[in-house]
Amino acid sequence: MVDGDTYLTRPSVLAYIQRGGTPSRFARILATRMGIATVDALLEDASNVLVVWRHNRVQVADGAQLDPPADPSGETLGHVHRITFT
């Protein structure tokens, strides 16, 4: 929409537009907690870790102990895992 010589804009969150819904309270809280855990791990100089939701809580998992994900379409995900955690 154009109003004279200016454009009227509004922000949108693409991820939720693609999913087709408004984020739930749980999704907002989970994203916040995972963000906090990520920053804490960075401040502790952690490396080779992954922030995950496991056993109903946010945890920082050791990347070396994670199994590579199953990749039914080939070796792509296993290759990414080897690059990332080795």
PDB file of N, CA and C in Angstrom:
ATOM      1  N   MET A   1       0.829  -1.162   0.000  1.00  0.00           N
ATOM      2  CA  MET A   1       0.000   0.000   0.000  1.00  0.00           C
ATOM      3  C   MET A   1       0.883   1.238   0.000  1.00  0.00           C
ATOM      4  N   VAL A   2       0.540   2.204  -0.788  1.00  0.00           N
ATOM      5  CA  VAL A   2       1.302   3.441  -0.861  1.00  0.00           C
ATOM      6  C   VAL A   2       0.408   4.582  -0.404  1.00  0.00           C
ATOM      7  N   ASP A   3       0.934   5.417   0.483  1.00  0.00           N
ATOM      8  CA  ASP A   3       0.197   6.579   0.989  1.00  0.00           C
ATOM      9  C   ASP A   3       1.003   7.808   0.597  1.00  0.00           C
ATOM     10  N   GLY A   4       0.644   8.443  -0.503  1.00  0.00           N
ATOM     11  CA  GLY A   4       1.437   9.570  -0.996  1.00  0.00           C
ATOM     12  C   GLY A   4       2.772   9.064  -1.485  1.00  0.00           C
ATOM     13  N   ASP A   5       3.859   9.588  -0.889  1.00  0.00           N
ATOM     14  CA  ASP A   5       5.205   9.173  -1.271  1.00  0.00           C
ATOM     15  C   ASP A   5       5.813   8.186  -0.285  1.00  0.00           C
ATOM     16  N   THR A   6       5.033   7.704   0.686  1.00  0.00           N
ATOM     17  CA  THR A   6       5.578   6.775   1.678  1.00  0.00           C
ATOM     18  C   THR A   6       4.919   5.411   1.543  1.00  0.00           C
ATOM     19  N   TYR A   7       5.632   4.395   1.979  1.00  0.00           N
ATOM     20  CA  TYR A   7       5.097   3.035   1.992  1.00  0.00           C
ATOM     21  C   TYR A   7       4.658   2.709   3.408  1.00  0.00           C
ATOM     22  N   LEU A   8       3.511   2.125   3.549  1.00  0.00           N
ATOM     23  CA  LEU A   8       3.034   1.663   4.842  1.00  0.00           C
ATOM     24  C   LEU A   8       3.456   0.208   4.980  1.00  0.00           C
ATOM     25  N   THR A   9       4.120  -0.117   6.076  1.00  0.00           N
ATOM     26  CA  THR A   9       4.604  -1.475   6.281  1.00  0.00           C
ATOM     27  C   THR A   9       4.162  -1.981   7.633  1.00  0.00           C
ATOM     28  N   ARG A  10       4.249  -3.270   7.802  1.00  0.00           N
ATOM     29  CA  ARG A  10       4.023  -3.878   9.098  1.00  0.00           C
ATOM     30  C   ARG A  10       4.880  -5.132   9.172  1.00  0.00           C
ATOM     31  N   PRO A  11       5.368  -5.482  10.356  1.00  0.00           N
ATOM     32  CA  PRO A  11       6.235  -6.659  10.484  1.00  0.00           C
ATOM     33  C   PRO A  11       5.427  -7.951  10.408  1.00  0.00           C
ATOM     34  N   SER A  12       6.098  -9.008   9.987  1.00  0.00           N
ATOM     35  CA  SER A  12       5.483 -10.333  10.007  1.00  0.00           C
ATOM     36  C   SER A  12       6.555 -11.357  10.357  1.00  0.00           C
ATOM     37  N   VAL A  13       6.156 -12.418  11.008  1.00  0.00           N
ATOM     38  CA  VAL A  13       7.062 -13.500  11.367  1.00  0.00           C
ATOM     39  C   VAL A  13       6.850 -14.610  10.345  1.00  0.00           C
ATOM     40  N   LEU A  14       7.795 -14.741   9.430  1.00  0.00           N
ATOM     41  CA  LEU A  14       7.645 -15.652   8.304  1.00  0.00           C
ATOM     42  C   LEU A  14       7.415 -17.097   8.748  1.00  0.00           C
ATOM     43  N   ALA A  15       8.124 -17.555   9.755  1.00  0.00           N
ATOM     44  CA  ALA A  15       7.995 -18.949  10.176  1.00  0.00           C
ATOM     45  C   ALA A  15       6.560 -19.286  10.552  1.00  0.00           C
ATOM     46  N   TYR A  16       5.901 -18.386  11.241  1.00  0.00           N
ATOM     47  CA  TYR A  16       4.531 -18.686  11.655  1.00  0.00           C
ATOM     48  C   TYR A  16       3.543 -18.486  10.513  1.00  0.00           C
ATOM     49  N   ILE A  17       3.876 -17.644   9.574  1.00  0.00           N
ATOM     50  CA  ILE A  17       3.035 -17.530   8.388  1.00  0.00           C
ATOM     51  C   ILE A  17       3.103 -18.834   7.604  1.00  0.00           C
ATOM     52  N   GLN A  18       4.299 -19.396   7.468  1.00  0.00           N
ATOM     53  CA  GLN A  18       4.456 -20.652   6.741  1.00  0.00           C
ATOM     54  C   GLN A  18       3.723 -21.787   7.446  1.00  0.00           C
ATOM     55  N   ARG A  19       3.752 -21.800   8.765  1.00  0.00           N
ATOM     56  CA  ARG A  19       3.062 -22.845   9.514  1.00  0.00           C
ATOM     57  C   ARG A  19       1.571 -22.582   9.580  1.00  0.00           C
ATOM     58  N   GLY A  20       1.173 -21.351   9.364  1.00  0.00           N
ATOM     59  CA  GLY A  20      -0.237 -21.038   9.298  1.00  0.00           C
ATOM     60  C   GLY A  20      -0.894 -20.798  10.631  1.00  0.00           C
ATOM     61  N   GLY A  21      -0.153 -20.345  11.619  1.00  0.00           N
ATOM     62  CA  GLY A  21      -0.795 -20.119  12.903  1.00  0.00           C
ATOM     63  C   GLY A  21      -0.054 -19.131  13.762  1.00  0.00           C
ATOM     64  N   THR A  22      -0.736 -18.667  14.772  1.00  0.00           N
ATOM     65  CA  THR A  22      -0.136 -17.784  15.769  1.00  0.00           C
ATOM     66  C   THR A  22       0.616 -18.648  16.772  1.00  0.00           C
ATOM     67  N   PRO A  23       1.807 -18.222  17.212  1.00  0.00           N
ATOM     68  CA  PRO A  23       2.552 -19.032  18.172  1.00  0.00           C
ATOM     69  C   PRO A  23       1.773 -19.176  19.477  1.00  0.00           C
ATOM     70  N   SER A  24       1.793 -20.375  20.006  1.00  0.00           N
ATOM     71  CA  SER A  24       1.127 -20.630  21.279  1.00  0.00           C
ATOM     72  C   SER A  24       1.969 -20.078  22.426  1.00  0.00           C
ATOM     73  N   ARG A  25       1.367 -20.025  23.592  1.00  0.00           N
ATOM     74  CA  ARG A  25       2.107 -19.582  24.777  1.00  0.00           C
ATOM     75  C   ARG A  25       3.304 -20.507  25.008  1.00  0.00           C
ATOM     76  N   PHE A  26       3.092 -21.819  24.843  1.00  0.00           N
ATOM     77  CA  PHE A  26       4.180 -22.780  25.018  1.00  0.00           C
ATOM     78  C   PHE A  26       5.320 -22.505  24.040  1.00  0.00           C
ATOM     79  N   ALA A  27       5.000 -22.254  22.768  1.00  0.00           N
ATOM     80  CA  ALA A  27       6.032 -21.999  21.761  1.00  0.00           C
ATOM     81  C   ALA A  27       6.843 -20.754  22.093  1.00  0.00           C
ATOM     82  N   ARG A  28       6.172 -19.714  22.565  1.00  0.00           N
ATOM     83  CA  ARG A  28       6.879 -18.480  22.933  1.00  0.00           C
ATOM     84  C   ARG A  28       7.804 -18.697  24.129  1.00  0.00           C
ATOM     85  N   ILE A  29       7.303 -19.399  25.141  1.00  0.00           N
ATOM     86  CA  ILE A  29       8.117 -19.655  26.333  1.00  0.00           C
ATOM     87  C   ILE A  29       9.277 -20.578  25.998  1.00  0.00           C
ATOM     88  N   LEU A  30       9.016 -21.617  25.190  1.00  0.00           N
ATOM     89  CA  LEU A  30      10.081 -22.542  24.797  1.00  0.00           C
ATOM     90  C   LEU A  30      11.176 -21.811  24.032  1.00  0.00           C
ATOM     91  N   ALA A  31      10.796 -20.965  23.082  1.00  0.00           N
ATOM     92  CA  ALA A  31      11.786 -20.217  22.307  1.00  0.00           C
ATOM     93  C   ALA A  31      12.619 -19.317  23.215  1.00  0.00           C
ATOM     94  N   THR A  32      11.977 -18.693  24.182  1.00  0.00           N
ATOM     95  CA  THR A  32      12.704 -17.832  25.121  1.00  0.00           C
ATOM     96  C   THR A  32      13.685 -18.643  25.947  1.00  0.00           C
ATOM     97  N   ARG A  33      13.228 -19.761  26.485  1.00  0.00           N
ATOM     98  CA  ARG A  33      14.109 -20.601  27.318  1.00  0.00           C
ATOM     99  C   ARG A  33      15.269 -21.181  26.517  1.00  0.00           C
ATOM    100  N   MET A  34      15.000 -21.587  25.271  1.00  0.00           N
ATOM    101  CA  MET A  34      16.083 -22.119  24.437  1.00  0.00           C
ATOM    102  C   MET A  34      17.081 -21.014  24.084  1.00  0.00           C
ATOM    103  N   GLY A  35      16.584 -19.806  23.871  1.00  0.00           N
ATOM    104  CA  GLY A  35      17.475 -18.679  23.613  1.00  0.00           C
ATOM    105  C   GLY A  35      18.364 -18.380  24.799  1.00  0.00           C
ATOM    106  N   ILE A  36      17.789 -18.409  25.995  1.00  0.00           N
ATOM    107  CA  ILE A  36      18.559 -18.165  27.212  1.00  0.00           C
ATOM    108  C   ILE A  36      19.627 -19.249  27.390  1.00  0.00           C
ATOM    109  N   ALA A  37      19.241 -20.521  27.175  1.00  0.00           N
ATOM    110  CA  ALA A  37      20.207 -21.617  27.304  1.00  0.00           C
ATOM    111  C   ALA A  37      21.333 -21.484  26.286  1.00  0.00           C
ATOM    112  N   THR A  38      21.009 -21.030  25.097  1.00  0.00           N
ATOM    113  CA  THR A  38      22.020 -20.830  24.061  1.00  0.00           C
ATOM    114  C   THR A  38      23.010 -19.746  24.458  1.00  0.00           C
ATOM    115  N   VAL A  39      22.498 -18.623  24.937  1.00  0.00           N
ATOM    116  CA  VAL A  39      23.381 -17.530  25.362  1.00  0.00           C
ATOM    117  C   VAL A  39      24.232 -17.968  26.539  1.00  0.00           C
ATOM    118  N   ASP A  40      23.637 -18.673  27.511  1.00  0.00           N
ATOM    119  CA  ASP A  40      24.415 -19.177  28.649  1.00  0.00           C
ATOM    120  C   ASP A  40      25.541 -20.093  28.187  1.00  0.00           C
ATOM    121  N   ALA A  41      25.257 -20.981  27.219  1.00  0.00           N
ATOM    122  CA  ALA A  41      26.293 -21.881  26.698  1.00  0.00           C
ATOM    123  C   ALA A  41      27.399 -21.090  26.012  1.00  0.00           C
ATOM    124  N   LEU A  42      27.029 -20.064  25.266  1.00  0.00           N
ATOM    125  CA  LEU A  42      28.036 -19.221  24.617  1.00  0.00           C
ATOM    126  C   LEU A  42      28.899 -18.497  25.636  1.00  0.00           C
ATOM    127  N   LEU A  43      28.277 -17.979  26.690  1.00  0.00           N
ATOM    128  CA  LEU A  43      29.029 -17.264  27.731  1.00  0.00           C
ATOM    129  C   LEU A  43      29.964 -18.189  28.496  1.00  0.00           C
ATOM    130  N   GLU A  44      29.619 -19.479  28.534  1.00  0.00           N
ATOM    131  CA  GLU A  44      30.480 -20.466  29.197  1.00  0.00           C
ATOM    132  C   GLU A  44      31.509 -21.056  28.238  1.00  0.00           C
ATOM    133  N   ASP A  45      31.600 -20.491  27.029  1.00  0.00           N
ATOM    134  CA  ASP A  45      32.521 -20.977  25.987  1.00  0.00           C
ATOM    135  C   ASP A  45      32.307 -22.443  25.647  1.00  0.00           C
ATOM    136  N   ALA A  46      31.083 -22.907  25.735  1.00  0.00           N
ATOM    137  CA  ALA A  46      30.780 -24.293  25.376  1.00  0.00           C
ATOM    138  C   ALA A  46      30.928 -24.461  23.866  1.00  0.00           C
ATOM    139  N   SER A  47      31.417 -25.598  23.469  1.00  0.00           N
ATOM    140  CA  SER A  47      31.510 -25.897  22.043  1.00  0.00           C
ATOM    141  C   SER A  47      31.014 -27.317  21.825  1.00  0.00           C
ATOM    142  N   ASN A  48      30.637 -27.613  20.592  1.00  0.00           N
ATOM    143  CA  ASN A  48      30.138 -28.928  20.232  1.00  0.00           C
ATOM    144  C   ASN A  48      28.921 -29.322  21.068  1.00  0.00           C
ATOM    145  N   VAL A  49      28.023 -28.346  21.283  1.00  0.00           N
ATOM    146  CA  VAL A  49      26.802 -28.603  22.045  1.00  0.00           C
ATOM    147  C   VAL A  49      25.582 -28.193  21.227  1.00  0.00           C
ATOM    148  N   LEU A  50      24.443 -28.684  21.650  1.00  0.00           N
ATOM    149  CA  LEU A  50      23.186 -28.392  20.977  1.00  0.00           C
ATOM    150  C   LEU A  50      22.125 -28.170  22.046  1.00  0.00           C
ATOM    151  N   VAL A  51      21.381 -27.076  21.953  1.00  0.00           N
ATOM    152  CA  VAL A  51      20.295 -26.818  22.883  1.00  0.00           C
ATOM    153  C   VAL A  51      19.083 -27.598  22.388  1.00  0.00           C
ATOM    154  N   VAL A  52      18.534 -28.454  23.261  1.00  0.00           N
ATOM    155  CA  VAL A  52      17.448 -29.351  22.871  1.00  0.00           C
ATOM    156  C   VAL A  52      16.322 -29.329  23.892  1.00  0.00           C
ATOM    157  N   TRP A  53      15.135 -29.784  23.465  1.00  0.00           N
ATOM    158  CA  TRP A  53      14.009 -30.031  24.358  1.00  0.00           C
ATOM    159  C   TRP A  53      13.960 -31.542  24.579  1.00  0.00           C
ATOM    160  N   ARG A  54      14.301 -31.975  25.785  1.00  0.00           N
ATOM    161  CA  ARG A  54      14.370 -33.403  26.072  1.00  0.00           C
ATOM    162  C   ARG A  54      13.883 -33.650  27.491  1.00  0.00           C
ATOM    163  N   HIS A  55      13.092 -34.679  27.679  1.00  0.00           N
ATOM    164  CA  HIS A  55      12.536 -35.018  28.990  1.00  0.00           C
ATOM    165  C   HIS A  55      11.763 -33.841  29.591  1.00  0.00           C
ATOM    166  N   ASN A  56      11.007 -33.169  28.738  1.00  0.00           N
ATOM    167  CA  ASN A  56      10.150 -32.051  29.140  1.00  0.00           C
ATOM    168  C   ASN A  56      10.911 -30.865  29.742  1.00  0.00           C
ATOM    169  N   ARG A  57      12.114 -30.646  29.268  1.00  0.00           N
ATOM    170  CA  ARG A  57      12.852 -29.453  29.696  1.00  0.00           C
ATOM    171  C   ARG A  57      13.944 -29.117  28.689  1.00  0.00           C
ATOM    172  N   VAL A  58      14.405 -27.889  28.736  1.00  0.00           N
ATOM    173  CA  VAL A  58      15.487 -27.432  27.856  1.00  0.00           C
ATOM    174  C   VAL A  58      16.805 -27.925  28.439  1.00  0.00           C
ATOM    175  N   GLN A  59      17.615 -28.532  27.591  1.00  0.00           N
ATOM    176  CA  GLN A  59      18.912 -29.036  28.021  1.00  0.00           C
ATOM    177  C   GLN A  59      19.975 -28.657  26.991  1.00  0.00           C
ATOM    178  N   VAL A  60      21.210 -28.616  27.438  1.00  0.00           N
ATOM    179  CA  VAL A  60      22.344 -28.426  26.538  1.00  0.00           C
ATOM    180  C   VAL A  60      22.992 -29.793  26.386  1.00  0.00           C
ATOM    181  N   ALA A  61      22.892 -30.374  25.189  1.00  0.00           N
ATOM    182  CA  ALA A  61      23.380 -31.727  24.930  1.00  0.00           C
ATOM    183  C   ALA A  61      24.775 -31.678  24.321  1.00  0.00           C
ATOM    184  N   ASP A  62      25.588 -32.630  24.696  1.00  0.00           N
ATOM    185  CA  ASP A  62      26.926 -32.776  24.128  1.00  0.00           C
ATOM    186  C   ASP A  62      26.784 -33.339  22.715  1.00  0.00           C
ATOM    187  N   GLY A  63      27.237 -32.598  21.736  1.00  0.00           N
ATOM    188  CA  GLY A  63      27.097 -33.000  20.343  1.00  0.00           C
ATOM    189  C   GLY A  63      27.799 -34.296  20.009  1.00  0.00           C
ATOM    190  N   ALA A  64      28.885 -34.596  20.699  1.00  0.00           N
ATOM    191  CA  ALA A  64      29.635 -35.818  20.415  1.00  0.00           C
ATOM    192  C   ALA A  64      28.853 -37.057  20.823  1.00  0.00           C
ATOM    193  N   GLN A  65      27.911 -36.921  21.747  1.00  0.00           N
ATOM    194  CA  GLN A  65      27.142 -38.071  22.223  1.00  0.00           C
ATOM    195  C   GLN A  65      25.832 -38.268  21.462  1.00  0.00           C
ATOM    196  N   LEU A  66      25.509 -37.368  20.558  1.00  0.00           N
ATOM    197  CA  LEU A  66      24.268 -37.485  19.803  1.00  0.00           C
ATOM    198  C   LEU A  66      24.447 -38.448  18.638  1.00  0.00           C
ATOM    199  N   ASP A  67      23.453 -39.275  18.424  1.00  0.00           N
ATOM    200  CA  ASP A  67      23.465 -40.165  17.269  1.00  0.00           C
ATOM    201  C   ASP A  67      23.138 -39.358  16.025  1.00  0.00           C
ATOM    202  N   PRO A  68      23.751 -39.683  14.899  1.00  0.00           N
ATOM    203  CA  PRO A  68      23.356 -38.992  13.679  1.00  0.00           C
ATOM    204  C   PRO A  68      21.906 -39.333  13.352  1.00  0.00           C
ATOM    205  N   PRO A  69      21.161 -38.383  12.853  1.00  0.00           N
ATOM    206  CA  PRO A  69      19.761 -38.669  12.527  1.00  0.00           C
ATOM    207  C   PRO A  69      19.635 -39.639  11.364  1.00  0.00           C
ATOM    208  N   ALA A  70      18.553 -40.370  11.349  1.00  0.00           N
ATOM    209  CA  ALA A  70      18.296 -41.273  10.224  1.00  0.00           C
ATOM    210  C   ALA A  70      18.036 -40.448   8.980  1.00  0.00           C
ATOM    211  N   ASP A  71      18.575 -40.883   7.860  1.00  0.00           N
ATOM    212  CA  ASP A  71      18.407 -40.148   6.610  1.00  0.00           C
ATOM    213  C   ASP A  71      17.922 -41.112   5.535  1.00  0.00           C
ATOM    214  N   PRO A  72      16.610 -41.263   5.403  1.00  0.00           N
ATOM    215  CA  PRO A  72      16.101 -42.228   4.434  1.00  0.00           C
ATOM    216  C   PRO A  72      16.391 -41.854   2.985  1.00  0.00           C
ATOM    217  N   SER A  73      16.736 -40.592   2.724  1.00  0.00           N
ATOM    218  CA  SER A  73      16.953 -40.174   1.337  1.00  0.00           C
ATOM    219  C   SER A  73      18.416 -40.248   0.920  1.00  0.00           C
ATOM    220  N   GLY A  74      19.286 -40.705   1.762  1.00  0.00           N
ATOM    221  CA  GLY A  74      20.696 -40.791   1.404  1.00  0.00           C
ATOM    222  C   GLY A  74      21.566 -40.517   2.612  1.00  0.00           C
ATOM    223  N   GLU A  75      22.723 -39.935   2.383  1.00  0.00           N
ATOM    224  CA  GLU A  75      23.671 -39.697   3.464  1.00  0.00           C
ATOM    225  C   GLU A  75      23.784 -38.224   3.825  1.00  0.00           C
ATOM    226  N   THR A  76      22.883 -37.391   3.372  1.00  0.00           N
ATOM    227  CA  THR A  76      23.005 -35.952   3.567  1.00  0.00           C
ATOM    228  C   THR A  76      23.077 -35.563   5.037  1.00  0.00           C
ATOM    229  N   LEU A  77      22.108 -36.010   5.851  1.00  0.00           N
ATOM    230  CA  LEU A  77      22.103 -35.612   7.252  1.00  0.00           C
ATOM    231  C   LEU A  77      23.282 -36.199   8.013  1.00  0.00           C
ATOM    232  N   GLY A  78      23.665 -37.428   7.686  1.00  0.00           N
ATOM    233  CA  GLY A  78      24.844 -38.016   8.314  1.00  0.00           C
ATOM    234  C   GLY A  78      26.098 -37.231   7.977  1.00  0.00           C
ATOM    235  N   HIS A  79      26.186 -36.755   6.744  1.00  0.00           N
ATOM    236  CA  HIS A  79      27.325 -35.939   6.325  1.00  0.00           C
ATOM    237  C   HIS A  79      27.351 -34.615   7.093  1.00  0.00           C
ATOM    238  N   VAL A  80      26.207 -33.987   7.223  1.00  0.00           N
ATOM    239  CA  VAL A  80      26.121 -32.736   7.995  1.00  0.00           C
ATOM    240  C   VAL A  80      26.521 -32.994   9.441  1.00  0.00           C
ATOM    241  N   HIS A  81      26.074 -34.101  10.013  1.00  0.00           N
ATOM    242  CA  HIS A  81      26.432 -34.442  11.400  1.00  0.00           C
ATOM    243  C   HIS A  81      27.938 -34.611  11.533  1.00  0.00           C
ATOM    244  N   ARG A  82      28.564 -35.307  10.581  1.00  0.00           N
ATOM    245  CA  ARG A  82      30.016 -35.502  10.650  1.00  0.00           C
ATOM    246  C   ARG A  82      30.762 -34.178  10.547  1.00  0.00           C
ATOM    247  N   ILE A  83      30.316 -33.284   9.677  1.00  0.00           N
ATOM    248  CA  ILE A  83      30.962 -31.984   9.534  1.00  0.00           C
ATOM    249  C   ILE A  83      30.802 -31.157  10.796  1.00  0.00           C
ATOM    250  N   THR A  84      29.618 -31.204  11.380  1.00  0.00           N
ATOM    251  CA  THR A  84      29.307 -30.355  12.522  1.00  0.00           C
ATOM    252  C   THR A  84      29.960 -30.842  13.798  1.00  0.00           C
ATOM    253  N   PHE A  85      29.971 -32.151  14.045  1.00  0.00           N
ATOM    254  CA  PHE A  85      30.399 -32.658  15.349  1.00  0.00           C
ATOM    255  C   PHE A  85      31.711 -33.422  15.327  1.00  0.00           C
ATOM    256  N   THR A  86      32.501 -33.276  14.270  1.00  0.00           N
ATOM    257  CA  THR A  86      33.824 -33.915  14.279  1.00  0.00           C
ATOM    258  C   THR A  86      34.903 -32.929  13.992  1.00  0.00           C
TER     259      THR A  86
END
